[in-house]
C-alpha atoms as a PDB file:
ATOM      1  CA  MET A   1      83.451  81.277  81.623  1.00  0.00           C
ATOM      2  CA  ASP A   2      83.664  85.120  81.436  1.00  0.00           C
ATOM      3  CA  SER A   3      82.684  86.242  77.801  1.00  0.00           C
ATOM      4  CA  TYR A   4      85.117  89.138  77.937  1.00  0.00           C
ATOM      5  CA  LEU A   5      88.206  86.986  78.757  1.00  0.00           C
ATOM      6  CA  LEU A   6      89.549  86.403  75.086  1.00  0.00           C
ATOM      7  CA  SER A   7      88.950  89.947  74.172  1.00  0.00           C
ATOM      8  CA  LEU A   8      90.756  91.206  77.178  1.00  0.00           C
ATOM      9  CA  LEU A   9      93.697  88.860  76.470  1.00  0.00           C
ATOM     10  CA  GLN A  10      93.868  90.180  72.958  1.00  0.00           C
ATOM     11  CA  LEU A  11      93.721  93.799  74.212  1.00  0.00           C
ATOM     12  CA  CYS A  12      96.752  93.105  76.583  1.00  0.00           C
ATOM     13  CA  ASP A  13      98.720  91.019  74.111  1.00  0.00           C
ATOM     14  CA  SER A  14     102.066  92.569  73.397  1.00  0.00           C
ATOM     15  CA  ASN A  15     101.509  91.883  69.588  1.00  0.00           C
ATOM     16  CA  LEU A  16      98.767  94.547  69.719  1.00  0.00           C
ATOM     17  CA  PRO A  17     100.190  97.111  67.294  1.00  0.00           C
ATOM     18  CA  THR A  18     100.159 100.213  69.437  1.00  0.00           C
ATOM     19  CA  GLY A  19     103.785 100.984  69.170  1.00  0.00           C
ATOM     20  CA  ALA A  20     104.610 100.164  72.800  1.00  0.00           C
ATOM     21  CA  PHE A  21     107.733  98.431  71.670  1.00  0.00           C
ATOM     22  CA  SER A  22     109.307 101.787  70.677  1.00  0.00           C
ATOM     23  CA  HIS A  23     109.004 103.357  74.075  1.00  0.00           C
ATOM     24  CA  SER A  24     111.000 102.944  77.275  1.00  0.00           C
ATOM     25  CA  PHE A  25     109.563 106.004  79.046  1.00  0.00           C
ATOM     26  CA  GLY A  26     112.896 106.907  80.505  1.00  0.00           C
ATOM     27  CA  LEU A  27     114.283 103.502  81.184  1.00  0.00           C
ATOM     28  CA  GLU A  28     116.718 103.908  78.412  1.00  0.00           C
ATOM     29  CA  THR A  29     118.319 106.924  80.215  1.00  0.00           C
ATOM     30  CA  TYR A  30     118.847 104.719  83.359  1.00  0.00           C
ATOM     31  CA  ILE A  31     120.478 102.041  81.296  1.00  0.00           C
ATOM     32  CA  GLN A  32     122.955 104.487  79.598  1.00  0.00           C
ATOM     33  CA  ASN A  33     123.816 105.927  82.850  1.00  0.00           C
ATOM     34  CA  GLU A  34     124.374 102.331  84.148  1.00  0.00           C
ATOM     35  CA  GLN A  35     121.925 102.757  86.978  1.00  0.00           C
ATOM     36  CA  VAL A  36     119.835  99.796  85.423  1.00  0.00           C
ATOM     37  CA  SER A  37     122.281  97.157  84.436  1.00  0.00           C
ATOM     38  CA  SER A  38     120.947  93.957  85.768  1.00  0.00           C
ATOM     39  CA  LYS A  39     117.811  92.079  86.670  1.00  0.00           C
ATOM     40  CA  MET A  40     118.027  93.364  90.231  1.00  0.00           C
ATOM     41  CA  THR A  41     118.409  97.074  89.340  1.00  0.00           C
ATOM     42  CA  PHE A  42     115.743  96.773  86.609  1.00  0.00           C
ATOM     43  CA  ALA A  43     113.321  95.151  89.166  1.00  0.00           C
ATOM     44  CA  GLN A  44     113.999  98.223  91.542  1.00  0.00           C
ATOM     45  CA  TRP A  45     113.203 100.520  88.624  1.00  0.00           C
ATOM     46  CA  LEU A  46     110.079  98.836  87.619  1.00  0.00           C
ATOM     47  CA  GLU A  47     108.692  98.705  91.247  1.00  0.00           C
ATOM     48  CA  VAL A  48     109.178 102.573  91.596  1.00  0.00           C
ATOM     49  CA  TYR A  49     107.821 103.316  88.022  1.00  0.00           C
ATOM     50  CA  VAL A  50     104.623 101.213  88.798  1.00  0.00           C
ATOM     51  CA  ARG A  51     104.218 102.552  92.383  1.00  0.00           C
ATOM     52  CA  GLU A  52     105.067 106.188  91.863  1.00  0.00           C
ATOM     53  CA  GLN A  53     104.033 106.996  88.213  1.00  0.00           C
ATOM     54  CA  LEU A  54     101.631 104.404  86.732  1.00  0.00           C
ATOM     55  CA  VAL A  55      99.518 104.388  89.787  1.00  0.00           C
ATOM     56  CA  HIS A  56      98.978 108.147  89.979  1.00  0.00           C
ATOM     57  CA  SER A  57      98.782 108.679  86.187  1.00  0.00           C
ATOM     58  CA  ASP A  58      97.540 105.910  83.830  1.00  0.00           C
ATOM     59  CA  GLY A  59      96.096 103.763  86.657  1.00  0.00           C
ATOM     60  CA  LEU A  60      94.053 106.471  88.366  1.00  0.00           C
ATOM     61  CA  ALA A  61      93.004 107.925  84.945  1.00  0.00           C
ATOM     62  CA  LEU A  62      91.627 104.637  83.891  1.00  0.00           C
ATOM     63  CA  ARG A  63      89.752 104.090  87.032  1.00  0.00           C
ATOM     64  CA  LEU A  64      88.194 107.543  86.820  1.00  0.00           C
ATOM     65  CA  ALA A  65      87.290 107.048  83.171  1.00  0.00           C
ATOM     66  CA  TYR A  66      85.632 103.717  83.906  1.00  0.00           C
ATOM     67  CA  GLU A  67      83.665 105.161  86.660  1.00  0.00           C
ATOM     68  CA  ALA A  68      82.568 108.149  84.506  1.00  0.00           C
ATOM     69  CA  LEU A  69      81.437 105.609  81.856  1.00  0.00           C
ATOM     70  CA  SER A  70      79.502 103.564  84.503  1.00  0.00           C
ATOM     71  CA  ARG A  71      77.685 106.849  85.307  1.00  0.00           C
ATOM     72  CA  GLU A  72      77.132 107.611  81.650  1.00  0.00           C
ATOM     73  CA  GLN A  73      78.991 110.936  81.998  1.00  0.00           C
ATOM     74  CA  TRP A  74      81.122 111.998  78.946  1.00  0.00           C
ATOM     75  CA  GLU A  75      82.621 115.284  80.162  1.00  0.00           C
ATOM     76  CA  PRO A  76      85.027 113.714  82.626  1.00  0.00           C
ATOM     77  CA  LEU A  77      86.609 111.795  79.842  1.00  0.00           C
ATOM     78  CA  TRP A  78      87.702 115.040  78.017  1.00  0.00           C
ATOM     79  CA  ILE A  79      89.005 116.504  81.368  1.00  0.00           C
ATOM     80  CA  LEU A  80      90.972 113.303  82.064  1.00  0.00           C
ATOM     81  CA  ASP A  81      92.328 113.309  78.479  1.00  0.00           C
ATOM     82  CA  ARG A  82      93.549 116.829  78.881  1.00  0.00           C
ATOM     83  CA  MET A  83      94.965 116.318  82.279  1.00  0.00           C
ATOM     84  CA  ILE A  84      96.921 113.062  81.691  1.00  0.00           C
ATOM     85  CA  THR A  85      98.378 114.608  78.591  1.00  0.00           C
ATOM     86  CA  VAL A  86      99.489 118.113  79.826  1.00  0.00           C
ATOM     87  CA  GLN A  87     100.799 116.762  83.123  1.00  0.00           C
ATOM     88  CA  SER A  88     103.359 114.730  81.309  1.00  0.00           C
ATOM     89  CA  MET A  89     106.178 117.262  81.178  1.00  0.00           C
ATOM     90  CA  ALA A  90     108.618 115.177  79.048  1.00  0.00           C
ATOM     91  CA  ARG A  91     107.981 115.777  75.456  1.00  0.00           C
ATOM     92  CA  GLU A  92     108.835 112.420  74.129  1.00  0.00           C
ATOM     93  CA  SER A  93     106.763 110.576  76.821  1.00  0.00           C
ATOM     94  CA  ARG A  94     103.842 112.936  76.189  1.00  0.00           C
ATOM     95  CA  GLU A  95     103.924 112.483  72.401  1.00  0.00           C
ATOM     96  CA  GLY A  96     104.495 108.718  72.799  1.00  0.00           C
ATOM     97  CA  GLY A  97     101.314 108.400  74.940  1.00  0.00           C
ATOM     98  CA  ILE A  98      99.282 110.367  72.349  1.00  0.00           C
ATOM     99  CA  ARG A  99     100.489 108.037  69.430  1.00  0.00           C
ATOM    100  CA  MET A 100      99.795 104.917  71.422  1.00  0.00           C
ATOM    101  CA  GLY A 101      96.483 106.140  72.446  1.00  0.00           C
ATOM    102  CA  GLN A 102      95.428 107.141  68.911  1.00  0.00           C
ATOM    103  CA  ARG A 103      96.630 103.884  67.525  1.00  0.00           C
ATOM    104  CA  MET A 104      94.718 101.873  70.149  1.00  0.00           C
ATOM    105  CA  ALA A 105      91.564 104.085  69.374  1.00  0.00           C
ATOM    106  CA  GLN A 106      91.919 103.166  65.764  1.00  0.00           C
ATOM    107  CA  LEU A 107      92.287  99.596  66.519  1.00  0.00           C
ATOM    108  CA  GLY A 108      89.272  99.531  68.754  1.00  0.00           C
ATOM    109  CA  MET A 109      87.212 101.297  66.157  1.00  0.00           C
ATOM    110  CA  GLU A 110      88.079  98.541  63.716  1.00  0.00           C
ATOM    111  CA  LEU A 111      87.397  95.629  66.126  1.00  0.00           C
ATOM    112  CA  TYR A 112      84.421  96.845  68.059  1.00  0.00           C
ATOM    113  CA  SER A 113      81.252  98.864  67.732  1.00  0.00           C
ATOM    114  CA  ILE A 114      81.505 101.249  70.968  1.00  0.00           C
ATOM    115  CA  PRO A 115      79.460 104.529  70.778  1.00  0.00           C
ATOM    116  CA  ALA A 116      81.785 106.033  73.546  1.00  0.00           C
ATOM    117  CA  LEU A 117      84.944 105.099  71.654  1.00  0.00           C
ATOM    118  CA  ALA A 118      83.598 106.533  68.359  1.00  0.00           C
ATOM    119  CA  VAL A 119      82.840 109.798  70.246  1.00  0.00           C
ATOM    120  CA  TYR A 120      86.341 109.852  71.724  1.00  0.00           C
ATOM    121  CA  HIS A 121      87.934 108.979  68.446  1.00  0.00           C
ATOM    122  CA  GLU A 122      86.065 111.744  66.604  1.00  0.00           C
ATOM    123  CA  HIS A 123      87.179 114.215  69.385  1.00  0.00           C
ATOM    124  CA  VAL A 124      90.706 113.033  68.734  1.00  0.00           C
ATOM    125  CA  LYS A 125      90.406 113.468  65.050  1.00  0.00           C
ATOM    126  CA  SER A 126      88.960 116.956  65.490  1.00  0.00           C
ATOM    127  CA  LYS A 127      91.753 117.849  67.890  1.00  0.00           C
ATOM    128  CA  ILE A 128      89.277 118.388  70.762  1.00  0.00           C
ATOM    129  CA  ALA A 129      91.093 115.702  72.563  1.00  0.00           C
ATOM    130  CA  TYR A 130      94.659 114.178  72.440  1.00  0.00           C
ATOM    131  CA  GLY A 131      94.058 110.379  72.787  1.00  0.00           C
ATOM    132  CA  HIS A 132      95.532 108.284  75.597  1.00  0.00           C
ATOM    133  CA  PRO A 133      95.856 104.480  75.977  1.00  0.00           C
ATOM    134  CA  ALA A 134      94.540 104.376  79.510  1.00  0.00           C
ATOM    135  CA  ILE A 135      91.231 106.073  78.519  1.00  0.00           C
ATOM    136  CA  VAL A 136      90.880 104.026  75.465  1.00  0.00           C
ATOM    137  CA  PHE A 137      91.536 100.773  77.422  1.00  0.00           C
ATOM    138  CA  ALA A 138      88.905 101.919  79.906  1.00  0.00           C
ATOM    139  CA  ILE A 139      86.310 102.635  77.210  1.00  0.00           C
ATOM    140  CA  ILE A 140      86.941  99.165  75.602  1.00  0.00           C
ATOM    141  CA  ALA A 141      87.043  97.269  78.976  1.00  0.00           C
ATOM    142  CA  HIS A 142      83.784  98.873  80.178  1.00  0.00           C
ATOM    143  CA  HIS A 143      82.136  97.991  76.788  1.00  0.00           C
ATOM    144  CA  LEU A 144      83.339  94.272  77.246  1.00  0.00           C
ATOM    145  CA  GLY A 145      81.955  94.126  80.740  1.00  0.00           C
ATOM    146  CA  VAL A 146      85.426  93.636  82.347  1.00  0.00           C
ATOM    147  CA  PRO A 147      85.185  94.437  86.129  1.00  0.00           C
ATOM    148  CA  LYS A 148      86.914  97.519  87.151  1.00  0.00           C
ATOM    149  CA  PRO A 149      89.613  95.965  89.317  1.00  0.00           C
ATOM    150  CA  THR A 150      90.370  93.495  86.530  1.00  0.00           C
ATOM    151  CA  ALA A 151      90.418  96.251  83.890  1.00  0.00           C
ATOM    152  CA  ILE A 152      93.043  98.134  86.182  1.00  0.00           C
ATOM    153  CA  LEU A 153      95.251  95.128  86.839  1.00  0.00           C
ATOM    154  CA  SER A 154      95.121  94.020  83.188  1.00  0.00           C
ATOM    155  CA  TYR A 155      96.251  97.498  82.146  1.00  0.00           C
ATOM    156  CA  LEU A 156      99.126  97.502  84.546  1.00  0.00           C
ATOM    157  CA  TYR A 157     100.122  94.118  83.248  1.00  0.00           C
ATOM    158  CA  SER A 158     100.029  95.291  79.606  1.00  0.00           C
ATOM    159  CA  CYS A 159     102.240  98.435  80.525  1.00  0.00           C
ATOM    160  CA  THR A 160     104.861  96.518  82.537  1.00  0.00           C
ATOM    161  CA  ALA A 161     104.977  93.528  80.065  1.00  0.00           C
ATOM    162  CA  SER A 162     105.943  96.053  77.369  1.00  0.00           C
ATOM    163  CA  LEU A 163     108.617  97.559  79.565  1.00  0.00           C
ATOM    164  CA  ILE A 164     110.091  94.274  80.576  1.00  0.00           C
ATOM    165  CA  GLN A 165     110.245  93.264  76.952  1.00  0.00           C
ATOM    166  CA  ASN A 166     111.985  96.561  76.061  1.00  0.00           C
ATOM    167  CA  GLY A 167     114.348  96.174  79.112  1.00  0.00           C
ATOM    168  CA  VAL A 168     115.323  92.693  78.007  1.00  0.00           C
ATOM    169  CA  ARG A 169     116.270  94.214  74.601  1.00  0.00           C
ATOM    170  CA  GLY A 170     117.909  97.318  75.956  1.00  0.00           C
ATOM    171  CA  ILE A 171     120.003  96.122  78.968  1.00  0.00           C
ATOM    172  CA  PRO A 172     120.156  93.344  77.793  1.00  0.00           C
ATOM    173  CA  LEU A 173     118.780  90.486  79.743  1.00  0.00           C
ATOM    174  CA  GLY A 174     117.869  86.765  78.745  1.00  0.00           C
ATOM    175  CA  GLN A 175     114.363  86.123  77.995  1.00  0.00           C
ATOM    176  CA  THR A 176     114.118  83.749  80.918  1.00  0.00           C
ATOM    177  CA  GLU A 177     115.261  86.478  83.306  1.00  0.00           C
ATOM    178  CA  GLY A 178     112.563  88.748  81.916  1.00  0.00           C
ATOM    179  CA  GLN A 179     109.958  86.149  82.679  1.00  0.00           C
ATOM    180  CA  ARG A 180     111.318  85.588  86.156  1.00  0.00           C
ATOM    181  CA  LEU A 181     111.207  89.393  86.724  1.00  0.00           C
ATOM    182  CA  PHE A 182     107.683  89.664  85.623  1.00  0.00           C
ATOM    183  CA  GLN A 183     106.680  86.745  87.999  1.00  0.00           C
ATOM    184  CA  GLU A 184     108.292  88.525  90.878  1.00  0.00           C
ATOM    185  CA  LEU A 185     106.501  91.769  89.911  1.00  0.00           C
ATOM    186  CA  GLN A 186     102.978  90.394  90.038  1.00  0.00           C
ATOM    187  CA  PRO A 187     102.368  90.997  93.791  1.00  0.00           C
ATOM    188  CA  HIS A 188     103.455  94.641  93.232  1.00  0.00           C
ATOM    189  CA  LEU A 189     100.757  94.883  90.508  1.00  0.00           C
ATOM    190  CA  ILE A 190      98.108  93.568  92.805  1.00  0.00           C
ATOM    191  CA  ARG A 191      99.096  96.091  95.497  1.00  0.00           C
ATOM    192  CA  ALA A 192      99.281  98.870  92.821  1.00  0.00           C
ATOM    193  CA  THR A 193      95.580  97.958  91.821  1.00  0.00           C
ATOM    194  CA  GLU A 194      94.379  98.081  95.297  1.00  0.00           C
ATOM    195  CA  LYS A 195      96.037 101.402  95.770  1.00  0.00           C
ATOM    196  CA  ILE A 196      94.563 103.000  92.656  1.00  0.00           C
ATOM    197  CA  GLU A 197      91.052 101.933  93.906  1.00  0.00           C
ATOM    198  CA  GLN A 198      91.589 103.882  96.982  1.00  0.00           C
ATOM    199  CA  LEU A 199      93.134 107.129  95.775  1.00  0.00           C
ATOM    200  CA  ASP A 200      91.357 110.436  95.775  1.00  0.00           C
ATOM    201  CA  GLU A 201      91.048 112.473  92.506  1.00  0.00           C
ATOM    202  CA  ASP A 202      93.310 115.075  93.756  1.00  0.00           C
ATOM    203  CA  GLU A 203      96.228 112.686  93.927  1.00  0.00           C
ATOM    204  CA  PHE A 204      96.179 112.352  90.164  1.00  0.00           C
ATOM    205  CA  GLY A 205      99.558 113.370  88.381  1.00  0.00           C
ATOM    206  CA  VAL A 206     101.975 112.662  91.237  1.00  0.00           C
ATOM    207  CA  THR A 207     105.299 111.885  89.534  1.00  0.00           C
ATOM    208  CA  PRO A 208     108.681 110.996  91.007  1.00  0.00           C
ATOM    209  CA  PRO A 209     111.185 113.728  89.720  1.00  0.00           C
ATOM    210  CA  GLY A 210     113.913 111.232  88.907  1.00  0.00           C
ATOM    211  CA  ILE A 211     111.767 109.287  86.486  1.00  0.00           C
ATOM    212  CA  GLU A 212     110.465 112.467  84.925  1.00  0.00           C
ATOM    213  CA  LEU A 213     113.986 114.006  84.584  1.00  0.00           C
ATOM    214  CA  SER A 214     115.103 110.785  82.911  1.00  0.00           C
ATOM    215  CA  GLN A 215     112.330 111.076  80.412  1.00  0.00           C
ATOM    216  CA  MET A 216     113.297 114.570  79.619  1.00  0.00           C
ATOM    217  CA  LYS A 217     117.052 113.742  79.143  1.00  0.00           C
ATOM    218  CA  HIS A 218     116.252 110.884  76.843  1.00  0.00           C
ATOM    219  CA  GLU A 219     115.866 113.039  73.810  1.00  0.00           C
ATOM    220  CA  ARG A 220     119.480 114.194  74.287  1.00  0.00           C
ATOM    221  CA  LEU A 221     121.090 110.824  74.479  1.00  0.00           C
ATOM    222  CA  HIS A 222     123.644 110.252  71.705  1.00  0.00           C
ATOM    223  CA  VAL A 223     122.450 106.676  70.783  1.00  0.00           C
ATOM    224  CA  ARG A 224     118.937 105.464  71.392  1.00  0.00           C
ATOM    225  CA  LEU A 225     117.104 102.138  70.747  1.00  0.00           C
ATOM    226  CA  PHE A 226     113.815 103.737  71.740  1.00  0.00           C
ATOM    227  CA  MET A 227     111.613 106.848  70.891  1.00  0.00           C
ATOM    228  CA  SER A 228     111.198 107.710  74.596  1.00  0.00           C
END
């Protein structure tokens, strides 16, 4: 049995207190505009979000960070940290990612003894780095010996599971519908993982304008359940 499995399940658990339950990353804007109002329209939104945003931002950043760690190179981590932070144009989403990354780093420090994470955490505390969950996840997964494709797929699972949970609350949908939706999304996550493994570095940061604009507009909504 793989020794990393239980630790990986813990890292992906929706109960991990990173604050992901507070963020919709633009979904709430679509809900209030009645563009996402059912399981079908939510599924369409999720597919685009995974394929067009997660793949080219968090997913690719995680892969590149994992590869840098395998080469025992530190500098790429600081570059990735800055790139994934500054390329997020929507303030709420950018700040949400920073808060989640810093919280995950703190939890990782309390659970594991990982030199790379200690250095990253110190850079964040010293304001040399911002902190991002994709990079923290890569550091912990690499330390645990999780194979790179499994680490990427697990991170995509964690992100989409949180979004589905928040969508169930915000649309709202029944819990069973949410589980059906996640089951239907699984092939898309596998294809997304395969795509991430094939991307060039210069494809980092590609973002669909509709989702990015919805993230910007969110802070001006009159009533909000989520922080982003």
